[in-house]
N, C-alpha and C. Protein backbone atom coordinates (compact mmCIF):
# COMPACT_ATOMS: atom_id res chain seq x y z
N MET A 1 98.21 155.34 86.10
CA MET A 1 98.60 153.95 86.22
C MET A 1 99.60 153.79 87.37
N LYS A 2 100.62 154.75 87.43
CA LYS A 2 101.62 154.68 88.50
C LYS A 2 100.95 154.66 89.85
N GLN A 3 99.88 155.42 89.99
CA GLN A 3 99.22 155.57 91.25
C GLN A 3 98.54 154.18 91.71
N ILE A 4 97.98 153.54 90.68
CA ILE A 4 97.39 152.19 91.00
C ILE A 4 98.45 151.18 91.38
N ILE A 5 99.56 151.19 90.64
CA ILE A 5 100.64 150.29 91.02
C ILE A 5 101.23 150.54 92.39
N CYS A 6 101.34 151.80 92.75
CA CYS A 6 101.81 152.18 94.15
C CYS A 6 100.88 151.72 95.17
N PHE A 7 99.57 152.00 94.93
CA PHE A 7 98.57 151.56 95.87
C PHE A 7 98.51 150.03 96.03
N LEU A 8 98.62 149.22 94.96
CA LEU A 8 98.58 147.83 95.08
C LEU A 8 99.86 147.33 95.81
N SER A 9 101.02 148.00 95.57
CA SER A 9 102.20 147.57 96.25
C SER A 9 102.11 147.83 97.71
N LEU A 10 101.57 149.02 98.07
CA LEU A 10 101.40 149.31 99.53
C LEU A 10 100.39 148.36 100.20
N SER A 11 99.37 147.98 99.47
CA SER A 11 98.33 147.10 99.91
C SER A 11 99.05 145.80 100.24
N LEU A 12 99.87 145.23 99.31
CA LEU A 12 100.48 143.94 99.46
C LEU A 12 101.41 144.02 100.69
N VAL A 13 102.26 145.09 100.87
CA VAL A 13 103.12 145.20 101.92
C VAL A 13 102.34 145.24 103.25
N SER A 14 101.26 145.88 103.33
CA SER A 14 100.47 145.96 104.54
C SER A 14 99.88 144.59 104.86
N LEU A 15 99.47 143.79 103.85
CA LEU A 15 98.91 142.50 104.11
C LEU A 15 100.01 141.54 104.56
N VAL A 16 101.19 141.59 104.03
CA VAL A 16 102.26 140.72 104.44
C VAL A 16 102.65 141.11 105.82
N GLY A 17 102.63 142.35 106.23
CA GLY A 17 102.87 142.78 107.59
C GLY A 17 101.88 142.24 108.62
N CYS A 18 100.71 141.90 108.21
CA CYS A 18 99.63 141.47 109.05
C CYS A 18 99.66 139.93 109.28
N MET A 19 100.53 139.25 108.67
CA MET A 19 100.55 137.82 108.74
C MET A 19 101.55 137.36 109.84
N SER A 20 101.08 136.37 110.57
CA SER A 20 101.91 135.88 111.69
C SER A 20 102.52 134.52 111.40
N PRO A 21 103.70 134.29 111.86
CA PRO A 21 104.26 132.93 111.70
C PRO A 21 103.58 131.88 112.57
N ILE A 22 103.06 130.82 112.05
CA ILE A 22 102.35 129.86 112.74
C ILE A 22 103.06 128.57 112.63
N LYS A 23 103.37 127.86 113.76
CA LYS A 23 103.96 126.62 113.80
C LYS A 23 102.97 125.53 114.04
N PHE A 24 103.00 124.48 113.21
CA PHE A 24 102.04 123.36 113.29
C PHE A 24 102.78 122.08 113.56
N LEU A 25 102.09 121.30 114.37
CA LEU A 25 102.53 119.92 114.55
C LEU A 25 101.23 119.06 114.31
N VAL A 26 101.25 118.27 113.33
CA VAL A 26 100.05 117.45 113.01
C VAL A 26 100.51 116.00 113.42
N SER A 27 99.60 115.40 114.24
CA SER A 27 99.85 114.10 114.69
C SER A 27 98.56 113.16 114.46
N VAL A 28 98.90 111.89 114.50
CA VAL A 28 97.79 110.91 114.36
C VAL A 28 97.71 110.20 115.66
N GLU A 29 96.49 110.18 116.28
CA GLU A 29 96.31 109.54 117.56
C GLU A 29 95.82 108.12 117.36
N ALA A 30 96.49 107.17 117.85
CA ALA A 30 96.09 105.76 117.70
C ALA A 30 94.90 105.38 118.62
N SER A 31 94.02 104.65 118.12
CA SER A 31 92.93 104.13 118.98
C SER A 31 93.33 102.88 119.66
N HIS A 32 92.63 102.63 120.77
CA HIS A 32 92.87 101.31 121.49
C HIS A 32 91.99 100.33 120.72
N CYS A 33 92.62 99.29 120.22
CA CYS A 33 91.86 98.33 119.32
C CYS A 33 91.80 96.94 119.91
N GLY A 34 91.55 96.81 121.17
CA GLY A 34 91.48 95.44 121.78
C GLY A 34 92.67 95.14 122.62
N GLY A 35 92.52 94.06 123.34
CA GLY A 35 93.61 93.66 124.31
C GLY A 35 93.38 94.33 125.58
N ALA A 36 94.32 94.28 126.40
CA ALA A 36 94.19 95.00 127.76
C ALA A 36 94.12 96.45 127.54
N PRO A 37 93.19 97.11 128.27
CA PRO A 37 93.01 98.56 128.12
C PRO A 37 94.28 99.28 128.72
N PRO A 38 94.58 100.42 128.23
CA PRO A 38 95.69 101.28 128.83
C PRO A 38 95.48 101.46 130.31
N GLN A 39 96.49 101.54 131.08
CA GLN A 39 96.46 101.76 132.47
C GLN A 39 95.92 103.13 132.84
N SER A 40 96.08 104.13 131.95
CA SER A 40 95.62 105.46 132.23
C SER A 40 94.95 106.05 130.97
N ILE A 41 93.89 106.83 131.15
CA ILE A 41 93.25 107.49 130.04
C ILE A 41 94.19 108.56 129.44
N GLU A 42 95.14 109.03 130.23
CA GLU A 42 96.02 110.10 129.82
C GLU A 42 97.07 109.62 128.89
N VAL A 43 97.29 108.31 128.76
CA VAL A 43 98.28 107.78 127.80
C VAL A 43 97.73 107.89 126.40
N VAL A 44 98.37 108.70 125.59
CA VAL A 44 97.94 108.82 124.24
C VAL A 44 99.14 108.50 123.24
N ASN A 45 98.86 107.59 122.40
CA ASN A 45 99.88 107.14 121.49
C ASN A 45 99.78 108.00 120.21
N LEU A 46 100.82 108.91 120.00
CA LEU A 46 100.86 109.77 118.82
C LEU A 46 101.91 109.43 117.93
N SER A 47 101.66 109.60 116.63
CA SER A 47 102.73 109.43 115.60
C SER A 47 102.62 110.73 114.68
N PRO A 48 103.72 111.05 114.07
CA PRO A 48 103.66 112.29 113.21
C PRO A 48 102.87 111.96 111.87
N PHE A 49 102.21 112.96 111.46
CA PHE A 49 101.42 112.84 110.12
C PHE A 49 102.40 113.56 109.16
N ASP A 50 102.94 112.86 108.15
CA ASP A 50 103.95 113.46 107.30
C ASP A 50 103.40 113.75 105.90
N GLY A 51 102.16 113.91 105.79
CA GLY A 51 101.53 114.27 104.48
C GLY A 51 101.42 115.75 104.24
N GLN A 52 100.36 116.16 103.56
CA GLN A 52 100.01 117.54 103.39
C GLN A 52 98.65 117.80 103.98
N VAL A 53 98.49 119.13 104.42
CA VAL A 53 97.14 119.56 104.89
C VAL A 53 96.78 120.82 104.20
N ILE A 54 95.50 121.04 104.05
CA ILE A 54 95.00 122.28 103.35
C ILE A 54 94.41 123.11 104.48
N ILE A 55 94.85 124.40 104.53
CA ILE A 55 94.31 125.32 105.54
C ILE A 55 93.47 126.33 104.82
N VAL A 56 92.19 126.49 105.30
CA VAL A 56 91.21 127.33 104.55
C VAL A 56 90.70 128.36 105.56
N GLY A 57 90.90 129.57 105.22
CA GLY A 57 90.31 130.69 106.00
C GLY A 57 89.60 131.70 105.11
N ALA A 58 89.03 132.72 105.75
CA ALA A 58 88.35 133.74 104.93
C ALA A 58 89.28 134.51 104.01
N ARG A 59 90.62 134.68 104.48
CA ARG A 59 91.50 135.49 103.73
C ARG A 59 92.65 134.66 103.18
N ASP A 60 92.90 133.47 103.69
CA ASP A 60 94.01 132.65 103.23
C ASP A 60 93.54 131.16 102.99
N SER A 61 94.07 130.59 101.99
CA SER A 61 93.90 129.17 101.75
C SER A 61 95.20 128.66 101.17
N ILE A 62 95.86 127.71 101.98
CA ILE A 62 97.16 127.24 101.51
C ILE A 62 97.32 125.78 101.66
N LEU A 63 98.21 125.17 100.88
CA LEU A 63 98.58 123.78 100.98
C LEU A 63 99.84 123.78 101.73
N VAL A 64 99.92 123.02 102.89
CA VAL A 64 101.08 123.01 103.72
C VAL A 64 101.70 121.57 103.64
N ALA A 65 102.96 121.53 103.27
CA ALA A 65 103.68 120.23 103.28
C ALA A 65 104.33 120.07 104.65
N LEU A 66 104.03 119.00 105.30
CA LEU A 66 104.63 118.71 106.61
C LEU A 66 105.92 117.94 106.43
N ASP A 67 106.87 118.16 107.30
CA ASP A 67 108.04 117.32 107.30
C ASP A 67 107.82 116.00 107.96
N GLU A 68 108.89 115.12 107.98
CA GLU A 68 108.67 113.77 108.48
C GLU A 68 108.28 113.71 109.96
N SER A 69 108.44 114.85 110.67
CA SER A 69 108.04 114.86 112.12
C SER A 69 106.66 115.51 112.25
N GLY A 70 105.98 115.82 111.11
CA GLY A 70 104.67 116.37 111.14
C GLY A 70 104.60 117.84 111.37
N ARG A 71 105.69 118.50 111.18
CA ARG A 71 105.86 119.99 111.51
C ARG A 71 105.96 120.88 110.26
N ALA A 72 105.47 122.08 110.43
CA ALA A 72 105.56 123.02 109.34
C ALA A 72 105.37 124.48 110.01
N THR A 73 105.96 125.43 109.36
CA THR A 73 105.68 126.83 109.79
C THR A 73 105.19 127.66 108.55
N VAL A 74 104.12 128.27 108.74
CA VAL A 74 103.48 129.18 107.69
C VAL A 74 103.07 130.56 108.27
N LYS A 75 102.87 131.42 107.35
CA LYS A 75 102.41 132.74 107.82
C LYS A 75 100.89 132.85 107.44
N LEU A 76 100.11 133.21 108.43
CA LEU A 76 98.67 133.36 108.22
C LEU A 76 98.21 134.66 108.87
N ALA A 77 97.20 135.31 108.25
CA ALA A 77 96.63 136.46 108.95
C ALA A 77 95.71 135.99 110.06
N LYS A 78 95.41 136.94 110.95
CA LYS A 78 94.54 136.61 112.06
C LYS A 78 93.17 136.22 111.53
N GLY A 79 92.57 135.24 112.17
CA GLY A 79 91.26 134.79 111.78
C GLY A 79 91.01 133.27 112.14
N THR A 80 89.87 132.73 111.74
CA THR A 80 89.47 131.39 112.00
C THR A 80 89.77 130.56 110.72
N TYR A 81 90.32 129.39 110.96
CA TYR A 81 90.75 128.51 109.84
C TYR A 81 90.24 127.06 110.12
N ASN A 82 89.89 126.46 108.98
CA ASN A 82 89.63 124.99 109.01
C ASN A 82 90.82 124.27 108.35
N TRP A 83 91.04 123.09 108.70
CA TRP A 83 92.14 122.29 108.10
C TRP A 83 91.63 120.98 107.67
N TYR A 84 92.17 120.50 106.54
CA TYR A 84 91.75 119.25 105.88
C TYR A 84 92.97 118.45 105.49
N GLN A 85 92.89 117.14 105.56
CA GLN A 85 93.84 116.23 104.92
C GLN A 85 93.84 116.54 103.41
N MET A 86 94.97 116.48 102.89
CA MET A 86 95.14 116.78 101.38
C MET A 86 94.28 115.77 100.59
N GLU A 87 94.13 114.55 101.04
CA GLU A 87 93.32 113.54 100.37
C GLU A 87 91.91 114.02 100.11
N LYS A 88 91.42 114.84 100.96
CA LYS A 88 89.99 115.32 100.82
C LYS A 88 89.81 116.18 99.57
N SER A 89 90.91 116.66 98.98
CA SER A 89 90.82 117.51 97.77
C SER A 89 90.71 116.64 96.56
N GLN A 90 90.97 115.35 96.64
CA GLN A 90 90.85 114.51 95.44
C GLN A 90 89.40 114.25 95.03
N ASP A 91 89.20 114.04 93.78
CA ASP A 91 87.87 113.80 93.33
C ASP A 91 87.27 112.43 93.79
N LEU A 92 85.96 112.30 93.83
CA LEU A 92 85.29 111.14 94.35
C LEU A 92 85.84 109.88 93.74
N GLU A 93 86.03 109.80 92.47
CA GLU A 93 86.43 108.58 91.71
C GLU A 93 87.82 108.15 92.21
N THR A 94 88.74 109.07 92.35
CA THR A 94 90.08 108.71 92.79
C THR A 94 90.09 108.16 94.27
N ILE A 95 89.33 108.85 95.06
CA ILE A 95 89.22 108.27 96.49
C ILE A 95 88.53 106.86 96.41
N LYS A 96 87.49 106.77 95.72
CA LYS A 96 86.74 105.43 95.65
C LYS A 96 87.66 104.41 95.08
N LYS A 97 88.53 104.70 94.06
CA LYS A 97 89.31 103.67 93.46
C LYS A 97 90.37 103.23 94.52
N THR A 98 90.92 104.18 95.27
CA THR A 98 91.88 103.85 96.31
C THR A 98 91.26 102.85 97.34
N LEU A 99 90.03 103.26 97.82
CA LEU A 99 89.33 102.35 98.81
C LEU A 99 89.00 101.01 98.26
N LEU A 100 88.52 100.97 96.98
CA LEU A 100 88.21 99.67 96.45
C LEU A 100 89.33 98.72 96.11
N ASN A 101 90.59 99.37 96.01
CA ASN A 101 91.76 98.56 95.77
C ASN A 101 92.34 97.96 97.05
N LEU A 102 91.78 98.29 98.23
CA LEU A 102 92.22 97.61 99.43
C LEU A 102 91.56 96.19 99.47
N ASN A 103 92.13 95.36 100.26
CA ASN A 103 91.64 93.99 100.38
C ASN A 103 90.22 93.88 100.68
N ARG A 104 89.48 93.37 99.76
CA ARG A 104 87.99 93.24 99.89
C ARG A 104 87.58 92.15 100.92
N ASN A 105 88.52 91.24 101.19
CA ASN A 105 88.25 90.26 102.26
C ASN A 105 88.29 90.83 103.66
N LEU A 106 88.93 92.09 103.78
CA LEU A 106 88.98 92.63 105.03
C LEU A 106 88.07 93.86 105.21
N TYR A 107 87.78 94.56 104.09
CA TYR A 107 86.97 95.83 104.16
C TYR A 107 85.79 95.80 103.27
N LYS A 108 84.74 96.55 103.74
CA LYS A 108 83.58 96.71 102.91
C LYS A 108 83.43 98.27 102.67
N PHE A 109 83.32 98.67 101.47
CA PHE A 109 83.16 100.06 101.12
C PHE A 109 81.73 100.52 101.47
N ILE A 110 81.56 101.62 102.20
CA ILE A 110 80.26 102.07 102.70
C ILE A 110 79.49 102.73 101.59
N GLY A 111 80.15 103.55 100.76
CA GLY A 111 79.41 104.21 99.66
C GLY A 111 79.87 105.64 99.34
N ASP A 112 79.42 106.04 98.17
CA ASP A 112 79.75 107.35 97.64
C ASP A 112 79.31 108.47 98.50
N THR A 113 78.09 108.39 99.09
CA THR A 113 77.58 109.45 99.97
C THR A 113 78.53 109.68 101.15
N CYS A 114 78.98 108.56 101.71
CA CYS A 114 79.89 108.68 102.87
C CYS A 114 81.16 109.46 102.43
N VAL A 115 81.71 109.17 101.31
CA VAL A 115 82.91 109.86 100.85
C VAL A 115 82.60 111.37 100.60
N LYS A 116 81.50 111.66 100.07
CA LYS A 116 81.11 113.06 99.84
C LYS A 116 81.04 113.79 101.15
N ASP A 117 80.33 113.16 102.18
CA ASP A 117 80.20 113.71 103.50
C ASP A 117 81.57 113.95 104.16
N TRP A 118 82.56 112.92 104.01
CA TRP A 118 83.81 112.96 104.61
C TRP A 118 84.62 114.12 104.02
N LYS A 119 84.55 114.31 102.74
CA LYS A 119 85.24 115.42 102.07
C LYS A 119 84.83 116.77 102.54
N GLY A 120 83.51 116.88 102.94
CA GLY A 120 83.00 118.24 103.32
C GLY A 120 83.22 118.57 104.80
N ILE A 121 83.72 117.61 105.61
CA ILE A 121 83.91 117.86 107.03
C ILE A 121 85.36 118.20 107.25
N ALA A 122 85.61 119.41 107.95
CA ALA A 122 86.96 119.77 108.22
C ALA A 122 87.54 118.81 109.39
N ASP A 123 88.81 118.59 109.27
CA ASP A 123 89.41 117.76 110.23
C ASP A 123 89.70 118.51 111.55
N GLY A 124 89.53 119.78 111.47
CA GLY A 124 89.68 120.58 112.72
C GLY A 124 89.49 122.09 112.34
N THR A 125 89.46 122.86 113.42
CA THR A 125 89.38 124.34 113.30
C THR A 125 90.33 124.89 114.34
N PHE A 126 90.92 126.04 113.99
CA PHE A 126 91.76 126.80 114.94
C PHE A 126 91.70 128.29 114.59
N GLU A 127 92.05 129.06 115.53
CA GLU A 127 91.93 130.51 115.44
C GLU A 127 93.33 131.17 115.71
N VAL A 128 93.73 132.08 114.78
CA VAL A 128 94.95 132.82 114.93
C VAL A 128 94.62 134.15 115.47
N GLU A 129 95.11 134.37 116.72
CA GLU A 129 94.78 135.74 117.30
C GLU A 129 96.11 136.52 117.60
N ASN A 130 97.16 135.78 117.94
CA ASN A 130 98.41 136.44 118.30
C ASN A 130 99.48 136.49 117.11
N ASP A 131 100.57 137.22 117.42
CA ASP A 131 101.57 137.33 116.38
C ASP A 131 102.32 136.05 116.04
N SER A 132 102.51 135.17 117.07
CA SER A 132 103.24 133.94 116.85
C SER A 132 102.57 132.87 117.67
N VAL A 133 102.13 131.78 116.99
CA VAL A 133 101.31 130.80 117.64
C VAL A 133 101.76 129.41 117.27
N LYS A 134 101.59 128.40 118.19
CA LYS A 134 101.89 127.07 117.92
C LYS A 134 100.55 126.26 118.10
N PHE A 135 100.23 125.39 117.07
CA PHE A 135 99.07 124.56 117.16
C PHE A 135 99.49 123.08 117.03
N GLU A 136 98.82 122.23 117.73
CA GLU A 136 98.95 120.82 117.58
C GLU A 136 97.59 120.38 117.00
N LEU A 137 97.64 119.84 115.82
CA LEU A 137 96.45 119.40 115.17
C LEU A 137 96.48 117.84 115.14
N ARG A 138 95.35 117.19 115.43
CA ARG A 138 95.36 115.70 115.52
C ARG A 138 94.31 115.15 114.62
N LEU A 139 94.64 113.99 113.99
CA LEU A 139 93.75 113.08 113.37
C LEU A 139 93.62 111.93 114.19
N LYS A 140 92.41 111.31 114.26
CA LYS A 140 92.14 110.11 115.02
C LYS A 140 92.28 108.89 114.10
N ASN A 141 93.12 108.04 114.39
CA ASN A 141 93.29 106.73 113.69
C ASN A 141 92.17 105.80 114.12
N ARG A 142 91.46 105.24 113.22
CA ARG A 142 90.36 104.21 113.60
C ARG A 142 90.95 102.82 113.58
N CYS A 143 90.39 102.01 114.45
CA CYS A 143 90.87 100.61 114.47
C CYS A 143 90.71 99.95 113.18
N TYR A 144 91.79 99.35 112.65
CA TYR A 144 91.84 98.49 111.50
C TYR A 144 91.74 99.21 110.15
N THR A 145 91.06 100.40 110.13
CA THR A 145 90.89 101.14 108.91
C THR A 145 91.78 102.32 108.79
N ASN A 146 92.51 102.60 109.89
CA ASN A 146 93.43 103.73 109.99
C ASN A 146 92.83 105.06 109.62
N LEU A 147 93.39 105.82 108.71
CA LEU A 147 92.73 107.12 108.27
C LEU A 147 91.96 106.98 107.00
N TYR A 148 91.74 105.71 106.50
CA TYR A 148 90.90 105.53 105.34
C TYR A 148 89.47 105.85 105.76
N PRO A 149 88.72 106.58 104.98
CA PRO A 149 87.31 106.89 105.31
C PRO A 149 86.38 105.85 104.73
N CYS A 150 85.24 105.76 105.21
CA CYS A 150 84.14 105.00 104.57
C CYS A 150 84.35 103.61 104.39
N LEU A 151 85.10 102.96 105.35
CA LEU A 151 85.27 101.56 105.25
C LEU A 151 84.74 100.87 106.47
N GLU A 152 84.18 99.68 106.29
CA GLU A 152 83.79 98.89 107.51
C GLU A 152 84.77 97.71 107.49
N TYR A 153 85.41 97.50 108.67
CA TYR A 153 86.32 96.38 108.73
C TYR A 153 85.45 95.08 109.03
N ILE A 154 85.59 94.17 108.12
CA ILE A 154 84.82 92.89 108.33
C ILE A 154 85.75 91.77 108.66
N GLY A 155 87.02 91.92 108.67
CA GLY A 155 87.98 90.96 109.11
C GLY A 155 88.16 89.86 108.09
N PRO A 156 89.16 88.99 108.30
CA PRO A 156 89.41 87.89 107.43
C PRO A 156 88.27 86.83 107.53
N ASP A 157 88.10 86.08 106.44
CA ASP A 157 87.15 84.98 106.42
C ASP A 157 87.94 83.60 106.76
N TYR A 158 87.55 83.04 107.82
CA TYR A 158 88.29 81.84 108.31
C TYR A 158 87.56 80.52 107.89
N ASN A 159 87.16 80.36 106.68
CA ASN A 159 86.45 79.14 106.22
C ASN A 159 87.45 78.02 105.97
């Protein structure tokens, strides 16, 4: 029994030693939603994403709480990872309830299939190869619906 405990302890220590500190910055990129176009395509309006993201890899899956500036540091083993907004982990009914509680005069809900598809698509992929890495992860804000999925903006009714 002692041998098994020693082996497991050594295995744990070796796994911890293989993990690298990874710095994240998660931002939301604003879309151009009308009016005069920006003077340059290089101008990108970014704001911090201060929620939580889920990072999923072959060896690691963790929930990462970002600070108010959209930053976090975690330790990950080398490998390829997908990342998801925390909201994608909610069940279909919770997401649907949130979407249906938005102003129905402005938005039309597209449907359950759209939500299921949205939940299954990673917001991005990155690869950890070095001992210490920085990643900037971006979410794309959509005009009028922001980060809410599966909504069609229909605008106000001016009758």
